Amino acid sequence: MITVLVRVAHGPEALAATLSALVPAVAAGLVGDAVILAARHDETVATVADAVGADLVVTGNLSWADGARVARREWLLCLEDGDIPQEGWIRVLDRFVTLSTPERGLARFHRQGAGPAGFVRRVFARSSIMAGDLVHRRVLLNEVKARTPVRLSARIERDPVFG
């Protein structure tokens, strides 16, 4: 099982879109819990987090590490609100988590529509953690250095309403 970390930047509607896309993974036994990262307290975001049983962490810098500290699982899927994993992602992540070691530490979804700016960001941010990464908790807490990310065959897209 994995924990999903979701950064909230676009509000409760984008958060709800992402969380609803995770329901099949919960039913399949892949996702065990979620941690919502918000820059400031928002009552509606808190209500959404409570409704799905997620932990809410209010942190000004939206640090993935802040989410890792309260996560219940070793493998963490980092998402931004409005991210929607595409068909087949559950099988791909389940296989990676089952066969990987903490030393492997980092896998990256293929992100559709990122354009030239997204390509440049991926090239220059090889080992930094970003939305769409599956990362071991020990990497986020700087206990293990991440290797070059494994490129997953799974895709992630943004809900067009939230950019």
Protein backbone atom coordinates (compact mmCIF):
# COMPACT_ATOMS: atom_id res chain seq x y z
CA MET A 1 0.00 0.00 0.00
CA ILE A 2 1.00 3.60 -0.59
CA THR A 3 0.18 7.00 0.83
CA VAL A 4 -0.87 9.77 -1.55
CA LEU A 5 0.38 13.29 -0.83
CA VAL A 6 -1.73 16.01 -2.49
CA ARG A 7 -0.65 19.66 -2.59
CA VAL A 8 -3.58 22.07 -2.67
CA ALA A 9 -3.05 25.14 -4.85
CA HIS A 10 -6.32 25.40 -6.80
CA GLY A 11 -8.82 24.83 -4.02
CA PRO A 12 -11.29 22.21 -2.82
CA GLU A 13 -12.80 21.49 -6.25
CA ALA A 14 -9.43 20.52 -7.73
CA LEU A 15 -8.66 18.49 -4.60
CA ALA A 16 -11.97 16.65 -4.93
CA ALA A 17 -11.23 15.85 -8.59
CA THR A 18 -7.90 14.28 -7.68
CA LEU A 19 -9.24 12.38 -4.67
CA SER A 20 -12.14 10.96 -6.68
CA ALA A 21 -9.67 9.64 -9.28
CA LEU A 22 -7.97 7.66 -6.49
CA VAL A 23 -11.08 5.71 -5.44
CA PRO A 24 -10.36 2.71 -7.74
CA ALA A 25 -6.86 2.44 -6.22
CA VAL A 26 -8.33 2.42 -2.72
CA ALA A 27 -10.74 -0.35 -3.78
CA ALA A 28 -7.84 -2.29 -5.34
CA GLY A 29 -5.86 -2.08 -2.10
CA LEU A 30 -3.04 0.09 -3.51
CA VAL A 31 -3.82 3.39 -1.77
CA GLY A 32 -4.08 3.09 1.99
CA ASP A 33 -4.29 6.73 3.02
CA ALA A 34 -3.80 10.33 1.95
CA VAL A 35 -2.15 13.45 3.28
CA ILE A 36 -3.38 16.84 2.08
CA LEU A 37 -0.81 19.67 2.07
CA ALA A 38 -2.24 23.19 2.23
CA ALA A 39 -0.43 26.53 2.49
CA ARG A 40 -3.07 27.95 4.82
CA HIS A 41 -6.08 26.70 6.70
CA ASP A 42 -9.20 26.55 4.54
CA GLU A 43 -12.38 25.23 6.13
CA THR A 44 -13.67 23.67 2.90
CA VAL A 45 -10.36 21.88 2.25
CA ALA A 46 -10.43 20.67 5.86
CA THR A 47 -13.97 19.36 5.34
CA VAL A 48 -12.93 17.49 2.17
CA ALA A 49 -9.90 15.99 3.94
CA ASP A 50 -12.04 14.90 6.87
CA ALA A 51 -14.70 13.40 4.59
CA VAL A 52 -12.16 11.10 2.92
CA GLY A 53 -10.24 10.31 6.10
CA ALA A 54 -7.10 12.15 4.99
CA ASP A 55 -4.67 13.95 7.26
CA LEU A 56 -4.46 17.69 6.65
CA VAL A 57 -1.07 19.36 7.07
CA VAL A 58 -0.98 23.15 6.92
CA THR A 59 2.51 24.13 5.83
CA GLY A 60 3.47 27.41 4.21
CA ASN A 61 6.02 25.87 1.85
CA LEU A 62 3.90 22.85 0.77
CA SER A 63 6.90 20.60 1.36
CA TRP A 64 6.59 16.96 0.34
CA ALA A 65 8.78 16.14 3.37
CA ASP A 66 6.14 17.62 5.70
CA GLY A 67 3.67 15.14 4.24
CA ALA A 68 6.15 12.27 4.52
CA ARG A 69 6.50 12.88 8.26
CA VAL A 70 2.82 12.06 8.86
CA ALA A 71 2.35 9.46 6.08
CA ARG A 72 1.55 5.94 7.25
CA ARG A 73 3.17 4.07 4.35
CA GLU A 74 6.72 3.81 3.01
CA TRP A 75 5.92 4.58 -0.64
CA LEU A 76 4.41 8.01 -1.36
CA LEU A 77 2.68 9.22 -4.51
CA CYS A 78 3.10 13.00 -4.88
CA LEU A 79 0.27 14.80 -6.67
CA GLU A 80 -1.04 18.33 -7.07
CA ASP A 81 -4.74 19.03 -6.82
CA GLY A 82 -6.22 18.61 -10.29
CA ASP A 83 -3.86 15.73 -11.24
CA ILE A 84 -5.68 12.71 -12.65
CA PRO A 85 -3.79 9.40 -13.05
CA GLN A 86 -4.79 7.69 -16.29
CA GLU A 87 -5.92 4.15 -17.05
CA GLY A 88 -3.49 1.41 -16.06
CA TRP A 89 -1.69 3.37 -13.36
CA ILE A 90 -2.78 1.11 -10.50
CA ARG A 91 -1.18 -1.98 -12.04
CA VAL A 92 2.03 -0.08 -12.88
CA LEU A 93 2.45 1.35 -9.36
CA ASP A 94 1.55 -1.92 -7.67
CA ARG A 95 4.23 -3.73 -9.66
CA PHE A 96 6.85 -1.05 -8.99
CA VAL A 97 6.17 -0.98 -5.24
CA THR A 98 6.20 -4.76 -5.02
CA LEU A 99 9.52 -5.17 -6.86
CA SER A 100 11.48 -2.07 -5.77
CA THR A 101 13.73 -1.37 -2.84
CA PRO A 102 14.06 1.90 -0.89
CA GLU A 103 17.43 2.41 -2.58
CA ARG A 104 15.66 2.58 -5.95
CA GLY A 105 13.63 5.30 -4.29
CA LEU A 106 12.03 7.26 -7.13
CA ALA A 107 9.72 6.64 -10.08
CA ARG A 108 8.09 9.21 -12.32
CA PHE A 109 4.78 9.20 -14.17
CA HIS A 110 4.72 10.35 -17.78
CA ARG A 111 2.98 13.73 -17.76
CA GLN A 112 0.93 14.60 -20.85
CA GLY A 113 0.86 18.12 -22.20
CA ALA A 114 3.75 19.51 -20.20
CA GLY A 115 5.19 21.11 -23.34
CA PRO A 116 8.72 22.51 -23.70
CA ALA A 117 8.72 24.07 -20.22
CA GLY A 118 7.83 20.74 -18.65
CA PHE A 119 10.54 18.97 -20.64
CA VAL A 120 13.17 21.47 -19.48
CA ARG A 121 11.97 21.11 -15.88
CA ARG A 122 12.19 17.30 -16.05
CA VAL A 123 15.68 17.37 -17.56
CA PHE A 124 17.11 19.76 -14.98
CA ALA A 125 15.20 18.31 -12.04
CA ARG A 126 16.27 14.69 -12.46
CA SER A 127 16.49 13.88 -8.77
CA SER A 128 14.24 16.56 -7.25
CA ILE A 129 10.79 15.38 -6.26
CA MET A 130 7.84 16.77 -8.18
CA ALA A 131 4.15 16.07 -8.66
CA GLY A 132 3.69 12.78 -10.47
CA ASP A 133 6.52 11.04 -8.60
CA LEU A 134 6.30 7.86 -6.58
CA VAL A 135 8.98 8.19 -3.93
CA HIS A 136 10.11 6.22 -0.92
CA ARG A 137 9.68 8.01 2.40
CA ARG A 138 13.40 7.67 3.18
CA VAL A 139 14.24 9.72 0.07
CA LEU A 140 11.92 12.56 1.10
CA LEU A 141 13.36 12.58 4.60
CA ASN A 142 16.92 12.67 3.18
CA GLU A 143 17.85 9.30 4.65
CA VAL A 144 18.59 7.83 1.21
CA LYS A 145 19.76 9.67 -1.92
CA ALA A 146 17.45 9.22 -4.89
CA ARG A 147 18.85 7.74 -8.05
CA THR A 148 17.75 8.89 -11.48
CA PRO A 149 13.97 8.35 -11.58
CA VAL A 150 12.56 5.23 -13.15
CA ARG A 151 10.24 6.32 -15.95
CA LEU A 152 6.86 4.64 -15.41
CA SER A 153 4.64 3.65 -18.31
CA ALA A 154 1.70 5.17 -16.43
CA ARG A 155 0.44 8.65 -17.36
CA ILE A 156 -0.92 11.53 -15.38
CA GLU A 157 -2.88 14.46 -16.77
CA ARG A 158 -4.25 17.68 -15.36
CA ASP A 159 -7.97 18.14 -15.18
CA PRO A 160 -8.45 20.83 -17.87
CA VAL A 161 -10.66 22.89 -15.58
CA PHE A 162 -7.71 23.44 -13.23
CA GLY A 163 -4.97 23.93 -15.81
